[in-house]
Protein backbone atom coordinates (compact mmCIF):
# COMPACT_ATOMS: atom_id res chain seq x y z
CA MET A 1 1.63 -5.86 23.14
CA THR A 2 3.55 -2.59 22.90
CA ALA A 3 2.37 0.58 24.56
CA ALA A 4 1.63 2.07 21.14
CA ARG A 5 -0.53 -0.89 20.21
CA ALA A 6 -2.28 -0.74 23.57
CA ARG A 7 -3.28 2.83 22.79
CA ASN A 8 -4.76 1.83 19.46
CA ALA A 9 -8.55 1.69 19.31
CA LEU A 10 -10.94 0.20 16.82
CA LEU A 11 -13.72 2.08 15.16
CA LEU A 12 -16.47 0.64 13.05
CA LEU A 13 -17.86 3.26 10.73
CA ALA A 14 -21.31 2.93 9.22
CA ILE A 15 -21.35 5.02 6.07
CA GLY A 16 -24.53 4.65 4.09
CA GLY A 17 -24.97 1.30 5.80
CA ILE A 18 -21.57 0.11 4.56
CA ALA A 19 -19.11 -1.06 7.18
CA LEU A 20 -15.60 0.30 7.10
CA VAL A 21 -12.79 -0.40 9.53
CA ALA A 22 -10.47 2.18 10.97
CA VAL A 23 -7.56 1.65 13.33
CA THR A 24 -6.62 4.74 15.26
CA ALA A 25 -3.08 5.95 15.62
CA ALA A 26 -1.79 7.60 18.76
CA THR A 27 -1.67 11.38 18.30
CA SER A 28 0.02 14.11 20.22
CA ALA A 29 -2.05 16.67 22.10
CA SER A 30 0.84 19.17 22.19
CA LYS A 31 0.43 22.55 20.54
CA PRO A 32 1.79 22.53 16.97
CA PRO A 33 4.96 24.57 16.48
CA ALA A 34 4.95 27.95 14.75
CA LEU A 35 6.21 27.51 11.20
CA LYS A 36 7.84 30.02 8.88
CA ASN A 37 7.04 30.31 5.20
CA GLY A 38 9.49 29.33 2.50
CA GLY A 39 12.23 26.79 2.04
CA THR A 40 12.65 23.37 0.51
CA LEU A 41 11.96 20.18 2.43
CA THR A 42 13.97 17.16 1.33
CA ILE A 43 12.55 13.69 1.97
CA GLY A 44 14.74 10.63 1.49
CA LEU A 45 12.69 7.82 -0.09
CA ALA A 46 13.59 4.15 0.26
CA GLU A 47 12.61 3.30 -3.32
CA ASP A 48 12.14 4.96 -6.68
CA PRO A 49 8.40 5.25 -7.42
CA ASP A 50 6.90 3.78 -10.55
CA ALA A 51 4.73 5.92 -12.87
CA ILE A 52 3.36 9.09 -11.26
CA ASP A 53 -0.03 8.24 -12.69
CA PRO A 54 -2.85 7.41 -10.24
CA THR A 55 -4.35 4.87 -12.65
CA LEU A 56 -1.17 2.87 -13.18
CA ALA A 57 0.81 3.41 -9.97
CA ARG A 58 1.48 0.58 -7.53
CA THR A 59 4.35 1.59 -5.25
CA PHE A 60 4.15 2.60 -1.62
CA VAL A 61 6.54 5.52 -2.11
CA GLY A 62 4.46 6.63 -5.09
CA ARG A 63 1.54 7.14 -2.70
CA MET A 64 3.76 9.54 -0.73
CA ILE A 65 4.32 11.62 -3.86
CA PHE A 66 0.59 11.64 -4.65
CA MET A 67 -0.20 12.67 -1.07
CA HIS A 68 1.31 16.06 -1.84
CA MET A 69 0.02 16.69 -5.37
CA CYS A 70 -3.07 14.57 -6.11
CA GLU A 71 -5.98 14.91 -3.72
CA LYS A 72 -8.82 12.38 -3.65
CA LEU A 73 -12.58 12.42 -3.33
CA TYR A 74 -12.04 11.17 0.24
CA ASP A 75 -9.10 10.97 2.61
CA ILE A 76 -8.32 9.47 6.01
CA ASP A 77 -7.62 11.39 9.20
CA SER A 78 -5.13 10.61 11.95
CA HIS A 79 -7.53 8.02 13.39
CA LEU A 80 -8.00 6.42 9.95
CA ASN A 81 -11.57 7.66 9.75
CA ILE A 82 -12.64 8.34 6.17
CA VAL A 83 -13.39 12.03 5.61
CA PRO A 84 -14.30 14.18 2.58
CA GLN A 85 -11.49 15.81 0.64
CA LEU A 86 -12.51 16.88 -2.90
CA ALA A 87 -16.02 15.67 -2.11
CA ALA A 88 -18.20 18.08 -0.16
CA ALA A 89 -19.64 15.37 2.11
CA MET A 90 -19.68 11.65 2.70
CA PRO A 91 -21.44 9.72 -0.09
CA LYS A 92 -25.19 9.10 0.01
CA PHE A 93 -26.41 5.59 -0.76
CA SER A 94 -29.76 4.60 -2.22
CA THR A 95 -32.01 2.28 -0.26
CA ASN A 96 -30.70 -0.77 -2.13
CA LYS A 97 -27.10 0.56 -1.73
CA LYS A 98 -26.48 0.24 -5.47
CA THR A 99 -26.47 3.95 -6.27
CA VAL A 100 -23.88 6.26 -4.71
CA THR A 101 -24.27 10.03 -4.93
CA ILE A 102 -21.23 12.24 -4.32
CA LYS A 103 -21.44 16.01 -4.01
CA LEU A 104 -18.26 17.87 -4.96
CA ARG A 105 -16.70 20.95 -3.45
CA THR A 106 -17.00 24.02 -5.63
CA GLY A 107 -14.40 26.55 -6.74
CA LEU A 108 -11.48 24.10 -6.80
CA LYS A 109 -8.86 24.24 -9.52
CA PHE A 110 -6.39 21.76 -10.92
CA ASN A 111 -2.75 22.75 -10.91
CA ASP A 112 -3.03 23.92 -14.51
CA GLY A 113 -5.70 26.46 -13.59
CA THR A 114 -8.65 24.53 -15.01
CA THR A 115 -11.76 23.87 -12.91
CA LEU A 116 -12.58 20.68 -11.05
CA ASP A 117 -16.13 19.58 -11.86
CA ALA A 118 -18.25 16.45 -12.15
CA ALA A 119 -17.17 15.83 -15.74
CA ALA A 120 -13.53 15.76 -14.64
CA VAL A 121 -14.33 13.25 -11.89
CA LYS A 122 -16.21 11.06 -14.36
CA GLN A 123 -13.31 11.13 -16.83
CA SER A 124 -10.82 10.05 -14.15
CA LEU A 125 -13.05 7.29 -12.78
CA ASP A 126 -13.75 5.97 -16.27
CA ARG A 127 -10.02 5.98 -16.99
CA HIS A 128 -9.29 4.11 -13.76
CA LYS A 129 -11.80 1.47 -14.86
CA THR A 130 -10.80 1.03 -18.50
CA LEU A 131 -7.20 2.08 -19.19
CA ALA A 132 -4.96 -0.81 -20.23
CA ARG A 133 -2.84 -2.02 -17.28
CA SER A 134 -4.92 -0.03 -14.81
CA ALA A 135 -4.10 -1.01 -11.23
CA ARG A 136 -7.42 0.51 -10.18
CA ALA A 137 -9.63 -1.66 -12.40
CA SER A 138 -10.48 -4.32 -9.82
CA GLU A 139 -10.92 -1.66 -7.13
CA LEU A 140 -13.74 -0.09 -9.16
CA ALA A 141 -14.99 -3.24 -10.91
CA PRO A 142 -18.46 -3.12 -9.25
CA VAL A 143 -19.00 0.40 -10.65
CA SER A 144 -21.02 -0.25 -13.82
CA SER A 145 -21.26 3.39 -14.87
CA VAL A 146 -20.55 6.95 -13.74
CA GLU A 147 -23.12 9.68 -14.29
CA THR A 148 -22.89 13.43 -13.78
CA GLN A 149 -25.72 15.60 -12.52
CA GLY A 150 -24.93 19.23 -13.11
CA ASN A 151 -21.43 20.51 -12.47
CA ASN A 152 -21.01 19.32 -8.90
CA THR A 153 -22.65 15.92 -8.50
CA VAL A 154 -21.37 12.50 -9.51
CA ILE A 155 -23.51 9.36 -9.34
CA LEU A 156 -21.98 5.89 -9.31
CA HIS A 157 -24.14 2.97 -10.37
CA LEU A 158 -23.06 -0.35 -8.87
CA THR A 159 -23.73 -3.85 -10.17
CA ASN A 160 -24.07 -4.99 -6.57
CA ARG A 161 -23.64 -3.68 -3.06
CA TYR A 162 -19.97 -2.85 -2.62
CA ALA A 163 -18.78 -2.39 0.94
CA PRO A 164 -15.30 -0.97 0.17
CA ILE A 165 -16.38 1.76 -2.28
CA THR A 166 -15.77 4.75 0.01
CA ALA A 167 -12.42 3.35 1.14
CA GLN A 168 -11.37 2.84 -2.49
CA LEU A 169 -12.22 6.47 -3.26
CA ALA A 170 -10.01 7.49 -0.33
CA ASP A 171 -6.97 6.24 -2.21
CA ARG A 172 -5.66 6.31 -5.78
CA ALA A 173 -9.00 5.20 -7.24
CA GLY A 174 -10.43 8.47 -5.90
CA MET A 175 -7.73 10.72 -7.35
CA VAL A 176 -8.98 13.15 -9.97
CA MET A 177 -6.71 14.20 -12.84
CA SER A 178 -6.92 17.30 -14.99
CA PRO A 179 -8.94 16.56 -18.15
CA LYS A 180 -6.72 18.97 -20.05
CA ALA A 181 -3.59 17.05 -19.05
CA LEU A 182 -5.27 13.72 -19.78
CA ASN A 183 -6.40 14.89 -23.20
CA ASP A 184 -3.00 16.39 -24.03
CA LEU A 185 -0.83 13.55 -22.71
CA GLY A 186 -3.03 10.45 -22.78
CA ALA A 187 -1.03 7.40 -21.69
CA ASN A 188 1.96 9.70 -21.07
CA PHE A 189 0.21 11.52 -18.22
CA ALA A 190 3.01 10.52 -15.82
CA THR A 191 5.49 12.74 -17.68
CA ASN A 192 3.70 15.86 -16.42
CA PRO A 193 0.94 14.81 -13.99
CA VAL A 194 -1.64 17.43 -13.03
CA CYS A 195 -4.17 17.06 -10.18
CA VAL A 196 -5.59 19.19 -7.37
CA GLY A 197 -3.05 19.52 -4.58
CA PRO A 198 -0.95 21.84 -2.43
CA PHE A 199 2.08 21.10 -4.60
CA MET A 200 2.51 20.62 -8.33
CA PHE A 201 4.93 18.52 -10.36
CA LYS A 202 8.12 20.24 -11.53
CA ASP A 203 10.56 17.55 -12.65
CA ARG A 204 11.77 13.99 -12.20
CA GLN A 205 15.15 12.39 -12.70
CA ALA A 206 14.64 8.65 -12.52
CA GLY A 207 16.59 7.06 -9.70
CA ASP A 208 17.60 10.43 -8.25
CA HIS A 209 14.80 12.83 -7.34
CA ILE A 210 11.29 14.17 -7.88
CA THR A 211 10.62 17.86 -7.28
CA LEU A 212 7.27 19.42 -6.42
CA VAL A 213 6.66 23.17 -6.06
CA LYS A 214 3.93 25.08 -4.22
CA SER A 215 0.77 25.46 -6.27
CA PRO A 216 -0.67 28.92 -6.88
CA TYR A 217 -4.06 27.31 -7.60
CA TYR A 218 -4.56 25.31 -4.39
CA TYR A 219 -7.75 26.17 -2.52
CA ALA A 220 -5.97 26.23 0.87
CA LYS A 221 -2.61 27.62 -0.22
CA SER A 222 -2.45 29.81 2.90
CA LYS A 223 -1.85 26.62 4.88
CA VAL A 224 1.11 25.65 2.72
CA HIS A 225 4.41 26.89 4.16
CA LEU A 226 7.07 25.33 1.96
CA ASP A 227 8.14 26.58 -1.45
CA SER A 228 9.04 23.10 -2.63
CA ILE A 229 9.51 19.47 -1.66
CA VAL A 230 12.29 17.32 -3.09
CA PHE A 231 11.88 13.55 -2.84
CA LYS A 232 15.42 12.22 -2.97
CA ILE A 233 15.78 8.55 -3.94
CA ILE A 234 18.24 6.87 -1.54
CA THR A 235 17.74 3.12 -1.72
CA ASP A 236 20.66 2.18 0.54
CA PRO A 237 19.25 2.35 4.08
CA SER A 238 22.53 3.21 5.78
CA ALA A 239 23.19 6.00 3.29
CA ARG A 240 19.67 7.32 3.85
CA SER A 241 20.25 7.50 7.61
CA GLN A 242 23.67 9.09 7.13
CA ASN A 243 22.05 11.77 4.98
CA LEU A 244 19.52 12.45 7.74
CA ARG A 245 22.21 12.74 10.41
CA ALA A 246 24.16 15.06 8.13
CA HIS A 247 20.93 17.06 7.53
CA SER A 248 21.29 16.59 3.76
CA ILE A 249 17.70 15.40 4.00
CA ASN A 250 15.09 16.55 6.52
CA VAL A 251 12.90 13.44 6.65
CA GLU A 252 13.88 9.77 6.30
CA ASP A 253 11.46 7.20 4.95
CA ARG A 254 11.55 4.03 7.08
CA ILE A 255 14.60 3.97 9.33
CA PRO A 256 16.39 0.61 9.04
CA SER A 257 16.65 -1.32 12.30
CA THR A 258 20.46 -1.11 12.13
CA GLU A 259 20.33 2.70 12.22
CA LEU A 260 17.46 3.20 14.66
CA GLN A 261 19.49 3.69 17.85
CA GLY A 262 21.84 6.18 16.24
CA ILE A 263 18.98 8.35 15.08
CA ALA A 264 17.02 8.00 18.33
CA HIS A 265 20.02 9.28 20.29
CA ASP A 266 20.71 12.24 17.97
CA SER A 267 19.44 15.36 19.76
CA SER A 268 18.75 17.10 16.45
CA LEU A 269 16.39 14.36 15.24
CA ARG A 270 13.18 12.66 16.31
CA VAL A 271 11.66 9.31 15.44
CA ALA A 272 8.03 9.18 14.28
CA LYS A 273 6.39 5.76 14.56
CA SER A 274 3.22 4.14 13.20
CA VAL A 275 1.88 0.59 13.38
CA SER A 276 1.09 -0.43 9.82
CA ILE A 277 -2.27 -1.71 8.61
CA GLY A 278 -0.43 -3.61 5.88
CA TYR A 279 1.87 -6.61 5.69
CA GLN A 280 5.10 -7.93 4.22
CA GLY A 281 5.51 -11.39 2.77
CA ILE A 282 6.38 -13.52 -0.25
CA THR A 283 4.30 -13.73 -3.42
CA ILE A 284 4.58 -17.06 -5.23
CA ASN A 285 4.07 -17.31 -8.99
CA ILE A 286 1.62 -20.15 -9.54
CA GLY A 287 -0.25 -19.21 -12.71
CA ASN A 288 1.12 -15.92 -14.01
CA LYS A 289 2.61 -17.41 -17.18
CA ASN A 290 1.29 -14.87 -19.68
CA GLY A 291 1.26 -11.64 -17.67
CA LEU A 292 -0.99 -9.97 -15.13
CA ASN A 293 -4.73 -10.33 -15.82
CA LYS A 294 -4.12 -12.42 -18.90
CA THR A 295 -5.16 -16.06 -19.09
CA TYR A 296 -3.73 -17.75 -16.01
CA GLU A 297 -2.19 -21.20 -16.30
CA ASN A 298 0.30 -23.00 -14.11
CA ILE A 299 3.82 -21.91 -14.96
CA GLY A 300 4.97 -25.53 -14.78
CA THR A 301 7.75 -25.39 -12.21
CA THR A 302 7.92 -28.04 -9.51
CA PHE A 303 7.25 -25.37 -6.90
CA ALA A 304 4.24 -23.92 -8.74
CA ARG A 305 2.67 -27.33 -9.34
CA SER A 306 2.87 -28.57 -5.76
CA ALA A 307 0.89 -27.09 -2.87
CA GLU A 308 2.75 -29.53 -0.58
CA LEU A 309 6.08 -27.98 -1.56
CA ARG A 310 4.76 -24.49 -0.88
CA GLN A 311 3.48 -25.74 2.49
CA ALA A 312 6.94 -27.14 3.24
CA PHE A 313 8.52 -23.81 2.28
CA GLU A 314 6.15 -21.87 4.55
CA LEU A 315 6.56 -24.23 7.50
CA ALA A 316 10.34 -23.78 7.36
CA LEU A 317 10.11 -20.02 7.82
CA ASP A 318 10.67 -18.81 11.37
CA ARG A 319 8.85 -15.49 11.56
CA LYS A 320 10.10 -14.70 15.05
CA LEU A 321 13.69 -15.38 14.03
CA ILE A 322 13.30 -13.23 10.92
CA ASN A 323 12.06 -10.38 13.10
CA LYS A 324 14.97 -10.81 15.53
CA VAL A 325 17.85 -11.39 13.13
CA VAL A 326 16.84 -9.22 10.18
CA PHE A 327 14.91 -6.41 11.88
CA GLY A 328 16.27 -6.35 15.41
CA GLY A 329 12.87 -7.16 16.88
CA THR A 330 11.29 -4.01 15.46
CA GLN A 331 8.45 -5.64 13.46
CA GLN A 332 5.42 -7.74 14.41
CA PRO A 333 5.45 -11.33 13.09
CA GLY A 334 2.18 -12.54 11.59
CA CYS A 335 0.55 -14.88 9.09
CA PHE A 336 -2.42 -13.04 7.61
CA PRO A 337 -3.35 -10.07 5.41
CA PHE A 338 -5.34 -8.39 8.20
CA PRO A 339 -3.52 -6.89 11.21
CA PRO A 340 -4.53 -8.11 14.69
CA ALA A 341 -6.00 -4.70 15.58
CA SER A 342 -8.66 -5.06 12.87
CA PRO A 343 -12.03 -6.63 13.72
CA TYR A 344 -11.60 -8.58 10.48
CA PHE A 345 -8.74 -10.44 12.13
CA ALA A 346 -11.57 -12.58 13.51
CA ALA A 347 -11.62 -14.18 10.04
CA THR A 348 -8.35 -15.94 10.91
CA LYS A 349 -9.84 -17.86 13.84
CA GLY A 350 -8.96 -21.56 13.65
CA ILE A 351 -6.34 -21.10 10.92
CA LYS A 352 -2.91 -22.12 12.15
CA CYS A 353 -0.20 -19.49 12.31
CA HIS A 354 3.36 -20.80 12.70
CA LEU A 355 5.41 -17.96 14.15
CA THR A 356 8.36 -20.31 14.62
CA ALA A 357 9.65 -22.90 12.17
CA SER A 358 8.05 -26.37 12.13
CA VAL A 359 10.97 -28.27 10.66
CA ALA A 360 9.55 -31.77 11.09
CA ALA A 361 6.25 -30.77 9.51
CA ALA A 362 8.10 -29.00 6.70
CA LYS A 363 10.16 -32.11 5.95
CA ALA A 364 7.03 -34.25 6.02
CA ALA A 365 5.26 -31.94 3.54
CA PHE A 366 8.33 -31.96 1.29
CA LYS A 367 8.37 -35.76 1.34
CA LYS A 368 4.63 -35.91 0.63
CA SER A 369 5.15 -33.79 -2.48
CA GLY A 370 7.27 -36.52 -4.02
CA ALA A 371 9.87 -34.00 -5.19
CA ASN A 372 13.55 -34.81 -5.19
CA ALA A 373 15.84 -32.50 -3.25
CA PRO A 374 17.20 -30.02 -3.91
CA VAL A 375 14.32 -28.04 -5.41
CA ASP A 376 15.53 -24.73 -6.85
CA VAL A 377 13.45 -21.68 -5.91
CA HIS A 378 14.36 -18.23 -7.23
CA LEU A 379 13.54 -15.38 -4.85
CA THR A 380 13.29 -11.83 -6.21
CA ILE A 381 14.41 -9.54 -3.43
CA GLY A 382 15.51 -5.94 -2.89
CA THR A 383 19.04 -4.69 -3.34
CA ASP A 384 19.74 -3.17 0.09
CA PRO A 385 21.69 -4.87 2.92
CA ILE A 386 18.60 -5.61 5.02
CA GLN A 387 16.93 -7.42 2.12
CA ALA A 388 20.19 -9.31 1.57
CA ARG A 389 20.09 -10.38 5.23
CA LEU A 390 16.47 -11.51 4.85
CA GLY A 391 17.36 -13.50 1.75
CA ALA A 392 20.34 -15.15 3.45
CA LEU A 393 18.22 -16.22 6.43
CA ILE A 394 15.52 -17.66 4.16
CA GLN A 395 18.20 -19.54 2.24
CA SER A 396 19.52 -21.04 5.47
CA GLU A 397 16.08 -22.02 6.79
CA GLU A 398 14.98 -23.62 3.52
CA LYS A 399 18.21 -25.51 2.84
CA ALA A 400 17.54 -27.84 5.75
CA ILE A 401 14.22 -28.83 4.17
CA GLY A 402 15.51 -29.48 0.67
CA PHE A 403 15.16 -26.12 -1.09
CA ASN A 404 17.97 -24.34 -2.87
CA VAL A 405 16.90 -20.69 -2.68
CA ILE A 406 18.58 -18.59 -5.36
CA LEU A 407 18.49 -14.86 -4.63
CA ASP A 408 17.73 -12.45 -7.46
CA PRO A 409 18.42 -8.93 -6.09
CA THR A 410 16.41 -6.48 -8.22
CA GLU A 411 15.66 -2.75 -8.13
CA PHE A 412 12.12 -2.34 -6.81
CA THR A 413 10.28 -0.81 -9.78
CA THR A 414 11.97 -3.26 -12.13
CA ALA A 415 10.91 -6.10 -9.82
CA LEU A 416 7.28 -4.91 -9.90
CA ASN A 417 7.32 -4.80 -13.69
CA ARG A 418 8.78 -8.29 -13.88
CA ALA A 419 6.20 -9.54 -11.41
CA ASP A 420 3.39 -8.10 -13.54
CA ALA A 421 4.88 -9.82 -16.58
CA GLY A 422 5.14 -13.12 -14.70
CA ASN A 423 8.94 -13.13 -14.89
CA PHE A 424 9.57 -14.38 -11.36
CA ALA A 425 9.21 -17.46 -9.19
CA THR A 426 8.83 -15.88 -5.75
CA PHE A 427 8.98 -12.22 -4.73
CA ALA A 428 9.66 -10.77 -1.27
CA VAL A 429 7.19 -7.89 -1.34
CA GLY A 430 4.46 -6.40 0.81
CA TRP A 431 1.51 -4.06 0.91
CA SER A 432 1.13 -0.82 2.83
CA GLY A 433 -2.46 -1.61 3.81
CA ARG A 434 -5.94 -0.17 3.44
CA VAL A 435 -8.60 0.71 6.00
CA ASP A 436 -11.09 -1.72 4.43
CA PRO A 437 -9.94 -5.40 4.43
CA ASP A 438 -10.87 -5.77 0.77
CA GLY A 439 -7.92 -3.55 -0.05
CA ASN A 440 -5.50 -5.97 1.59
CA PHE A 441 -6.88 -9.12 0.00
CA TYR A 442 -9.18 -9.06 -3.04
CA GLN A 443 -6.83 -7.73 -5.71
CA PHE A 444 -4.11 -10.22 -4.75
CA VAL A 445 -6.11 -13.47 -4.58
CA ASN A 446 -9.20 -12.98 -6.74
CA THR A 447 -8.79 -14.15 -10.34
CA LYS A 448 -9.82 -10.67 -11.53
CA GLY A 449 -7.66 -8.86 -8.97
CA SER A 450 -5.65 -6.07 -10.58
CA GLN A 451 -2.53 -7.01 -8.57
CA ASN A 452 -2.81 -10.79 -8.70
CA ASP A 453 0.82 -11.31 -9.70
CA SER A 454 0.65 -14.85 -8.37
CA GLY A 455 -1.76 -15.74 -11.16
CA TYR A 456 -3.84 -17.46 -8.50
CA SER A 457 -7.30 -18.63 -9.51
CA ASN A 458 -9.65 -20.54 -7.24
CA ALA A 459 -13.42 -20.53 -7.73
CA GLY A 460 -14.14 -20.77 -4.02
CA VAL A 461 -11.86 -17.85 -3.17
CA ASP A 462 -13.35 -15.80 -6.00
CA LYS A 463 -16.87 -16.46 -4.73
CA ALA A 464 -16.02 -15.68 -1.10
CA THR A 465 -14.12 -12.47 -1.85
CA ASN A 466 -16.88 -11.29 -4.19
CA GLN A 467 -19.48 -12.01 -1.50
CA ALA A 468 -17.41 -10.15 1.10
CA ARG A 469 -17.53 -7.10 -1.16
CA ALA A 470 -21.29 -7.31 -1.56
CA VAL A 471 -22.45 -7.70 2.06
CA LEU A 472 -22.56 -4.94 4.64
CA LYS A 473 -22.70 -6.72 8.00
CA LEU A 474 -19.35 -7.18 9.75
CA SER A 475 -20.03 -10.75 10.91
CA ARG A 476 -21.04 -11.86 7.41
CA ARG A 477 -17.98 -10.29 5.83
CA VAL A 478 -15.78 -11.98 8.44
CA ALA A 479 -17.33 -15.35 7.57
CA PHE A 480 -16.65 -14.91 3.85
CA TYR A 481 -13.07 -13.80 4.49
CA HIS A 482 -12.57 -16.81 6.74
CA SER A 483 -13.69 -19.13 3.96
CA ALA A 484 -11.26 -17.52 1.52
CA LEU A 485 -8.38 -17.49 4.00
CA VAL A 486 -8.77 -21.22 4.72
CA GLN A 487 -8.32 -22.00 1.03
CA VAL A 488 -5.50 -19.50 0.54
CA ALA A 489 -3.66 -21.05 3.49
CA LYS A 490 -3.83 -24.39 1.68
CA ASP A 491 -2.77 -23.10 -1.73
CA LEU A 492 -0.30 -20.44 -0.57
CA PRO A 493 -0.15 -18.00 -3.45
CA LEU A 494 1.18 -15.63 -0.79
CA ILE A 495 3.06 -16.21 2.44
CA TYR A 496 2.52 -13.44 5.00
CA LEU A 497 5.52 -12.84 7.26
CA TYR A 498 5.04 -9.75 9.41
CA TYR A 499 3.19 -6.49 10.00
CA PRO A 500 5.58 -3.55 9.62
CA ILE A 501 6.03 -1.03 12.39
CA ASN A 502 7.13 1.99 10.41
CA ARG A 503 9.63 4.42 11.87
CA PHE A 504 10.63 7.65 10.20
CA GLY A 505 13.38 10.10 11.03
CA VAL A 506 12.54 13.80 11.14
CA ALA A 507 14.81 16.77 11.80
CA LYS A 508 13.65 18.67 14.87
CA SER A 509 13.92 21.89 12.89
CA VAL A 510 10.87 20.71 10.91
CA GLY A 511 7.29 20.78 12.15
CA GLY A 512 4.01 19.51 10.72
CA VAL A 513 5.23 16.16 9.39
CA ASN A 514 2.64 13.49 10.24
CA ILE A 515 2.61 9.70 9.98
CA TYR A 516 -0.67 7.76 10.18
CA GLY A 517 -1.32 4.04 10.28
CA ASP A 518 -1.07 3.79 6.50
CA GLY A 519 2.64 4.60 6.85
CA LEU A 520 2.63 7.55 4.46
CA ILE A 521 4.71 10.64 5.10
CA ARG A 522 2.43 13.68 5.17
CA ALA A 523 4.31 16.95 4.73
CA GLN A 524 1.79 19.00 2.73
CA PHE A 525 1.48 21.53 5.53
CA ALA A 526 4.90 21.05 7.07
CA GLY A 527 7.50 23.77 7.38
CA PHE A 528 10.62 24.86 9.14
CA LYS A 529 10.12 26.02 12.71
CA LYS A 530 10.46 29.70 13.47
CA GLY A 531 13.74 30.43 15.16
CA THR A 532 15.63 27.63 13.34
């Protein structure tokens, strides 16, 4: 265990009787630097975000954009505690926990000058639930209706107890969009998105940059130092690090392991680190033949039809070797959707985790499948050199078992769209993580999950994950997750490989940039240090 992990603590929050998990991140007790007003901060992003629309968005880097321009009903603090943001207080739950009352802050304005009120919150929540292709639909599925009470109170009616509701409202499902912008733009909201936030959208050039400028309407604009933030898209990791060292950018999203030492030894830069609450792995297309959330049926490939073949594929993967060879030992190998620091990791008890390859067992599973070698398996993977290295190692490990892994390097947003459409066989992709375990699991393995690109459908897993949403006691939720994980480990719609340890490069001339356990760059209140 690293020193950073040893400092991590676990908190169990009881909010309205609903259990939420938070993993604390180490924080500095040093006095924050004095910051001057003005200037443009440039952040180098590792990928190009998808739609800048809270209802439709799926990308990790997209969440970084939203962090600066679209506030939520709730947020998380540096310890991953859930705290009010647009809401005036934590939600109040009825005795049966099926009615949730949320009081809103007053006097807040969207970045078009219109007023935030209960009607605006209702319109956004209804849109999240019903818009075609909504990535938020399964996150809010237990919400049967949204009611307003006056201008500043929203009441959610639930079909059943729903443990993750507050956590969901602390992410994109809790983002509130301007009704005026929604009414004017409809499905084209992403072309000029308007929310409540310290910065407001200015322009986007796909594949190059997104520019945000300081909002004159923000309720705490006195805390905002920068005039603008430019998110520069630099997908090549070496180029991103070179830009940081040259100070063409001020902040680097996720330093590649190959560049870490160079940045760590640069006296003008610092490395910010956070242990992720998410995971990285491989999604396998089993039943996504017709597109996401359409009728699932087996896609008919040898690999999709045979659980034994998928078992063979998983057993051949050496997670420790992947960490060493691809990432220079900078990640944490693992086999599950919940990180070891979470109390929900107890759900994995008794389920085997092969951190090193089990070649003999892999060959035996391949033989049991009855398939004839070689079995072709296409792997959608990123376009940067590190992803190429990962793909090459997987190819080598699987070849010895009888798999011919064919790499399909694809730009990230394009890969997500193809995954949604079912146009893939396997996809090396991960998840940035959520404070409630439901956010790391349900939408990927439940038949109705809004991000179930695998097209996986199992009645037992559906029942267990639905039950885990509806109960409040930690031990009972753990038991339901255990039941689901046992079945998922047999069927393998996903193969979990490691828990990312995110490292970001920051120019020492910049202060106020924070990284929490969710891995998001927070620069809303950053600025350039006085005297620089």
